[in-house]
Amino acid sequence: MGEWWYNHKTGEVEEGKVSLGSDRDGPFSSREEAAHAPQIAAERARKWAEDEARGN
């Protein structure tokens, strides 16, 4: 089983560490999960912002 990465510079899913670390997010356990990286990041950011607003 390989690691999957989302290259936020190109919008491509990559198997393994193909591109520069500064251009990719991951690792993810599957291609499908990596493909949803932008949505995962947006959801995490939303939750963090809510926590900050509550003073947590």
PDB file of N, CA and C in Angstrom:
ATOM      1  N   MET A   1       0.833  -1.190   0.000  1.00  0.00           N
ATOM      2  CA  MET A   1       0.000   0.000   0.000  1.00  0.00           C
ATOM      3  C   MET A   1       0.872   1.246   0.000  1.00  0.00           C
ATOM      4  N   GLY A   2       0.633   2.128  -0.921  1.00  0.00           N
ATOM      5  CA  GLY A   2       1.401   3.359  -1.005  1.00  0.00           C
ATOM      6  C   GLY A   2       0.716   4.508  -0.299  1.00  0.00           C
ATOM      7  N   GLU A   3       1.428   5.599  -0.243  1.00  0.00           N
ATOM      8  CA  GLU A   3       0.860   6.821   0.300  1.00  0.00           C
ATOM      9  C   GLU A   3       0.420   7.688  -0.864  1.00  0.00           C
ATOM     10  N   TRP A   4      -0.666   8.394  -0.662  1.00  0.00           N
ATOM     11  CA  TRP A   4      -1.218   9.264  -1.692  1.00  0.00           C
ATOM     12  C   TRP A   4      -1.130  10.706  -1.234  1.00  0.00           C
ATOM     13  N   TRP A   5      -0.853  11.595  -2.161  1.00  0.00           N
ATOM     14  CA  TRP A   5      -0.674  13.003  -1.873  1.00  0.00           C
ATOM     15  C   TRP A   5      -1.510  13.822  -2.839  1.00  0.00           C
ATOM     16  N   TYR A   6      -1.927  14.990  -2.387  1.00  0.00           N
ATOM     17  CA  TYR A   6      -2.633  15.931  -3.262  1.00  0.00           C
ATOM     18  C   TYR A   6      -1.697  17.094  -3.547  1.00  0.00           C
ATOM     19  N   ASN A   7      -1.411  17.319  -4.800  1.00  0.00           N
ATOM     20  CA  ASN A   7      -0.558  18.427  -5.205  1.00  0.00           C
ATOM     21  C   ASN A   7      -1.466  19.645  -5.397  1.00  0.00           C
ATOM     22  N   HIS A   8      -1.425  20.567  -4.442  1.00  0.00           N
ATOM     23  CA  HIS A   8      -2.316  21.731  -4.513  1.00  0.00           C
ATOM     24  C   HIS A   8      -1.860  22.747  -5.548  1.00  0.00           C
ATOM     25  N   LYS A   9      -0.679  22.608  -6.074  1.00  0.00           N
ATOM     26  CA  LYS A   9      -0.207  23.497  -7.138  1.00  0.00           C
ATOM     27  C   LYS A   9      -0.791  23.070  -8.490  1.00  0.00           C
ATOM     28  N   THR A  10      -0.844  21.753  -8.729  1.00  0.00           N
ATOM     29  CA  THR A  10      -1.350  21.249 -10.008  1.00  0.00           C
ATOM     30  C   THR A  10      -2.779  20.724  -9.931  1.00  0.00           C
ATOM     31  N   GLY A  11      -3.258  20.422  -8.702  1.00  0.00           N
ATOM     32  CA  GLY A  11      -4.586  19.846  -8.541  1.00  0.00           C
ATOM     33  C   GLY A  11      -4.619  18.354  -8.806  1.00  0.00           C
ATOM     34  N   GLU A  12      -3.449  17.727  -8.908  1.00  0.00           N
ATOM     35  CA  GLU A  12      -3.350  16.301  -9.225  1.00  0.00           C
ATOM     36  C   GLU A  12      -3.121  15.473  -7.964  1.00  0.00           C
ATOM     37  N   VAL A  13      -3.599  14.236  -7.993  1.00  0.00           N
ATOM     38  CA  VAL A  13      -3.315  13.255  -6.954  1.00  0.00           C
ATOM     39  C   VAL A  13      -2.075  12.487  -7.390  1.00  0.00           C
ATOM     40  N   GLU A  14      -1.160  12.278  -6.441  1.00  0.00           N
ATOM     41  CA  GLU A  14       0.100  11.593  -6.759  1.00  0.00           C
ATOM     42  C   GLU A  14       0.302  10.415  -5.819  1.00  0.00           C
ATOM     43  N   GLU A  15       0.832   9.337  -6.332  1.00  0.00           N
ATOM     44  CA  GLU A  15       1.193   8.198  -5.502  1.00  0.00           C
ATOM     45  C   GLU A  15       2.669   8.330  -5.152  1.00  0.00           C
ATOM     46  N   GLY A  16       2.949   8.443  -3.866  1.00  0.00           N
ATOM     47  CA  GLY A  16       4.322   8.637  -3.422  1.00  0.00           C
ATOM     48  C   GLY A  16       4.714  10.102  -3.438  1.00  0.00           C
ATOM     49  N   LYS A  17       5.923  10.345  -2.982  1.00  0.00           N
ATOM     50  CA  LYS A  17       6.435  11.717  -2.880  1.00  0.00           C
ATOM     51  C   LYS A  17       7.040  12.136  -4.219  1.00  0.00           C
ATOM     52  N   VAL A  18       6.164  12.500  -5.157  1.00  0.00           N
ATOM     53  CA  VAL A  18       6.574  12.847  -6.511  1.00  0.00           C
ATOM     54  C   VAL A  18       7.038  14.303  -6.596  1.00  0.00           C
ATOM     55  N   SER A  19       6.280  15.195  -5.996  1.00  0.00           N
ATOM     56  CA  SER A  19       6.564  16.626  -6.120  1.00  0.00           C
ATOM     57  C   SER A  19       7.182  17.176  -4.837  1.00  0.00           C
ATOM     58  N   LEU A  20       7.516  18.451  -4.866  1.00  0.00           N
ATOM     59  CA  LEU A  20       8.085  19.108  -3.699  1.00  0.00           C
ATOM     60  C   LEU A  20       7.118  19.065  -2.515  1.00  0.00           C
ATOM     61  N   GLY A  21       7.663  18.922  -1.334  1.00  0.00           N
ATOM     62  CA  GLY A  21       6.839  18.877  -0.133  1.00  0.00           C
ATOM     63  C   GLY A  21       5.991  20.119   0.055  1.00  0.00           C
ATOM     64  N   SER A  22       6.488  21.253  -0.371  1.00  0.00           N
ATOM     65  CA  SER A  22       5.738  22.505  -0.226  1.00  0.00           C
ATOM     66  C   SER A  22       4.548  22.587  -1.183  1.00  0.00           C
ATOM     67  N   ASP A  23       4.485  21.694  -2.160  1.00  0.00           N
ATOM     68  CA  ASP A  23       3.395  21.698  -3.139  1.00  0.00           C
ATOM     69  C   ASP A  23       2.341  20.631  -2.870  1.00  0.00           C
ATOM     70  N   ARG A  24       2.537  19.817  -1.845  1.00  0.00           N
ATOM     71  CA  ARG A  24       1.606  18.700  -1.654  1.00  0.00           C
ATOM     72  C   ARG A  24       1.085  18.616  -0.231  1.00  0.00           C
ATOM     73  N   ASP A  25      -0.093  18.022  -0.110  1.00  0.00           N
ATOM     74  CA  ASP A  25      -0.736  17.762   1.169  1.00  0.00           C
ATOM     75  C   ASP A  25      -0.894  16.260   1.316  1.00  0.00           C
ATOM     76  N   GLY A  26      -0.717  15.776   2.517  1.00  0.00           N
ATOM     77  CA  GLY A  26      -0.853  14.352   2.769  1.00  0.00           C
ATOM     78  C   GLY A  26       0.134  13.916   3.811  1.00  0.00           C
ATOM     79  N   PRO A  27       0.303  12.660   3.975  1.00  0.00           N
ATOM     80  CA  PRO A  27      -0.193  11.590   3.101  1.00  0.00           C
ATOM     81  C   PRO A  27      -1.623  11.184   3.434  1.00  0.00           C
ATOM     82  N   PHE A  28      -2.255  10.593   2.457  1.00  0.00           N
ATOM     83  CA  PHE A  28      -3.589  10.033   2.599  1.00  0.00           C
ATOM     84  C   PHE A  28      -3.491   8.541   2.329  1.00  0.00           C
ATOM     85  N   SER A  29      -4.460   7.803   2.848  1.00  0.00           N
ATOM     86  CA  SER A  29      -4.406   6.342   2.727  1.00  0.00           C
ATOM     87  C   SER A  29      -4.963   5.819   1.409  1.00  0.00           C
ATOM     88  N   SER A  30      -5.658   6.669   0.663  1.00  0.00           N
ATOM     89  CA  SER A  30      -6.210   6.221  -0.618  1.00  0.00           C
ATOM     90  C   SER A  30      -6.221   7.366  -1.623  1.00  0.00           C
ATOM     91  N   ARG A  31      -6.330   7.002  -2.890  1.00  0.00           N
ATOM     92  CA  ARG A  31      -6.428   7.996  -3.965  1.00  0.00           C
ATOM     93  C   ARG A  31      -7.677   8.855  -3.762  1.00  0.00           C
ATOM     94  N   GLU A  32      -8.778   8.222  -3.385  1.00  0.00           N
ATOM     95  CA  GLU A  32     -10.039   8.927  -3.209  1.00  0.00           C
ATOM     96  C   GLU A  32      -9.942   9.967  -2.099  1.00  0.00           C
ATOM     97  N   GLU A  33      -9.320   9.595  -0.987  1.00  0.00           N
ATOM     98  CA  GLU A  33      -9.153  10.531   0.120  1.00  0.00           C
ATOM     99  C   GLU A  33      -8.275  11.705  -0.313  1.00  0.00           C
ATOM    100  N   ALA A  34      -7.185  11.433  -1.011  1.00  0.00           N
ATOM    101  CA  ALA A  34      -6.302  12.495  -1.475  1.00  0.00           C
ATOM    102  C   ALA A  34      -7.028  13.435  -2.433  1.00  0.00           C
ATOM    103  N   ALA A  35      -7.902  12.889  -3.251  1.00  0.00           N
ATOM    104  CA  ALA A  35      -8.648  13.707  -4.204  1.00  0.00           C
ATOM    105  C   ALA A  35      -9.568  14.700  -3.496  1.00  0.00           C
ATOM    106  N   HIS A  36      -9.955  14.382  -2.271  1.00  0.00           N
ATOM    107  CA  HIS A  36     -10.824  15.264  -1.488  1.00  0.00           C
ATOM    108  C   HIS A  36     -10.050  16.163  -0.537  1.00  0.00           C
ATOM    109  N   ALA A  37      -8.746  16.251  -0.700  1.00  0.00           N
ATOM    110  CA  ALA A  37      -7.901  17.056   0.190  1.00  0.00           C
ATOM    111  C   ALA A  37      -8.372  18.506   0.317  1.00  0.00           C
ATOM    112  N   PRO A  38      -8.751  19.183  -0.765  1.00  0.00           N
ATOM    113  CA  PRO A  38      -9.192  20.574  -0.598  1.00  0.00           C
ATOM    114  C   PRO A  38     -10.433  20.686   0.301  1.00  0.00           C
ATOM    115  N   GLN A  39     -11.363  19.753   0.157  1.00  0.00           N
ATOM    116  CA  GLN A  39     -12.566  19.779   0.985  1.00  0.00           C
ATOM    117  C   GLN A  39     -12.234  19.448   2.438  1.00  0.00           C
ATOM    118  N   ILE A  40     -11.331  18.494   2.639  1.00  0.00           N
ATOM    119  CA  ILE A  40     -10.907  18.125   3.990  1.00  0.00           C
ATOM    120  C   ILE A  40     -10.244  19.316   4.667  1.00  0.00           C
ATOM    121  N   ALA A  41      -9.356  20.000   3.955  1.00  0.00           N
ATOM    122  CA  ALA A  41      -8.666  21.163   4.512  1.00  0.00           C
ATOM    123  C   ALA A  41      -9.655  22.284   4.828  1.00  0.00           C
ATOM    124  N   ALA A  42     -10.602  22.524   3.957  1.00  0.00           N
ATOM    125  CA  ALA A  42     -11.588  23.578   4.187  1.00  0.00           C
ATOM    126  C   ALA A  42     -12.441  23.268   5.416  1.00  0.00           C
ATOM    127  N   GLU A  43     -12.829  22.024   5.579  1.00  0.00           N
ATOM    128  CA  GLU A  43     -13.633  21.624   6.742  1.00  0.00           C
ATOM    129  C   GLU A  43     -12.825  21.787   8.030  1.00  0.00           C
ATOM    130  N   ARG A  44     -11.564  21.378   8.018  1.00  0.00           N
ATOM    131  CA  ARG A  44     -10.715  21.542   9.201  1.00  0.00           C
ATOM    132  C   ARG A  44     -10.534  23.015   9.541  1.00  0.00           C
ATOM    133  N   ALA A  45     -10.318  23.844   8.534  1.00  0.00           N
ATOM    134  CA  ALA A  45     -10.146  25.279   8.757  1.00  0.00           C
ATOM    135  C   ALA A  45     -11.416  25.890   9.347  1.00  0.00           C
ATOM    136  N   ARG A  46     -12.572  25.454   8.847  1.00  0.00           N
ATOM    137  CA  ARG A  46     -13.847  25.942   9.379  1.00  0.00           C
ATOM    138  C   ARG A  46     -13.991  25.581  10.855  1.00  0.00           C
ATOM    139  N   LYS A  47     -13.661  24.333  11.206  1.00  0.00           N
ATOM    140  CA  LYS A  47     -13.756  23.892  12.599  1.00  0.00           C
ATOM    141  C   LYS A  47     -12.789  24.657  13.491  1.00  0.00           C
ATOM    142  N   TRP A  48     -11.562  24.868  12.997  1.00  0.00           N
ATOM    143  CA  TRP A  48     -10.579  25.620  13.784  1.00  0.00           C
ATOM    144  C   TRP A  48     -11.056  27.055  14.015  1.00  0.00           C
ATOM    145  N   ALA A  49     -11.633  27.667  12.985  1.00  0.00           N
ATOM    146  CA  ALA A  49     -12.137  29.035  13.117  1.00  0.00           C
ATOM    147  C   ALA A  49     -13.269  29.099  14.130  1.00  0.00           C
ATOM    148  N   GLU A  50     -14.149  28.101  14.114  1.00  0.00           N
ATOM    149  CA  GLU A  50     -15.238  28.047  15.093  1.00  0.00           C
ATOM    150  C   GLU A  50     -14.697  27.898  16.506  1.00  0.00           C
ATOM    151  N   ASP A  51     -13.687  27.042  16.663  1.00  0.00           N
ATOM    152  CA  ASP A  51     -13.070  26.850  17.980  1.00  0.00           C
ATOM    153  C   ASP A  51     -12.431  28.142  18.474  1.00  0.00           C
ATOM    154  N   GLU A  52     -11.735  28.841  17.589  1.00  0.00           N
ATOM    155  CA  GLU A  52     -11.100  30.115  17.944  1.00  0.00           C
ATOM    156  C   GLU A  52     -12.143  31.142  18.358  1.00  0.00           C
ATOM    157  N   ALA A  53     -13.253  31.170  17.642  1.00  0.00           N
ATOM    158  CA  ALA A  53     -14.322  32.131  17.937  1.00  0.00           C
ATOM    159  C   ALA A  53     -14.932  31.859  19.308  1.00  0.00           C
ATOM    160  N   ARG A  54     -14.933  30.583  19.718  1.00  0.00           N
ATOM    161  CA  ARG A  54     -15.460  30.209  21.030  1.00  0.00           C
ATOM    162  C   ARG A  54     -14.428  30.375  22.133  1.00  0.00           C
ATOM    163  N   GLY A  55     -13.187  30.663  21.741  1.00  0.00           N
ATOM    164  CA  GLY A  55     -12.121  30.842  22.716  1.00  0.00           C
ATOM    165  C   GLY A  55     -11.480  29.544  23.175  1.00  0.00           C
ATOM    166  N   ASN A  56     -11.593  28.503  22.368  1.00  0.00           N
ATOM    167  CA  ASN A  56     -10.997  27.200  22.725  1.00  0.00           C
ATOM    168  C   ASN A  56      -9.563  27.124  22.307  1.00  0.00           C
TER     169      ASN A  56
END
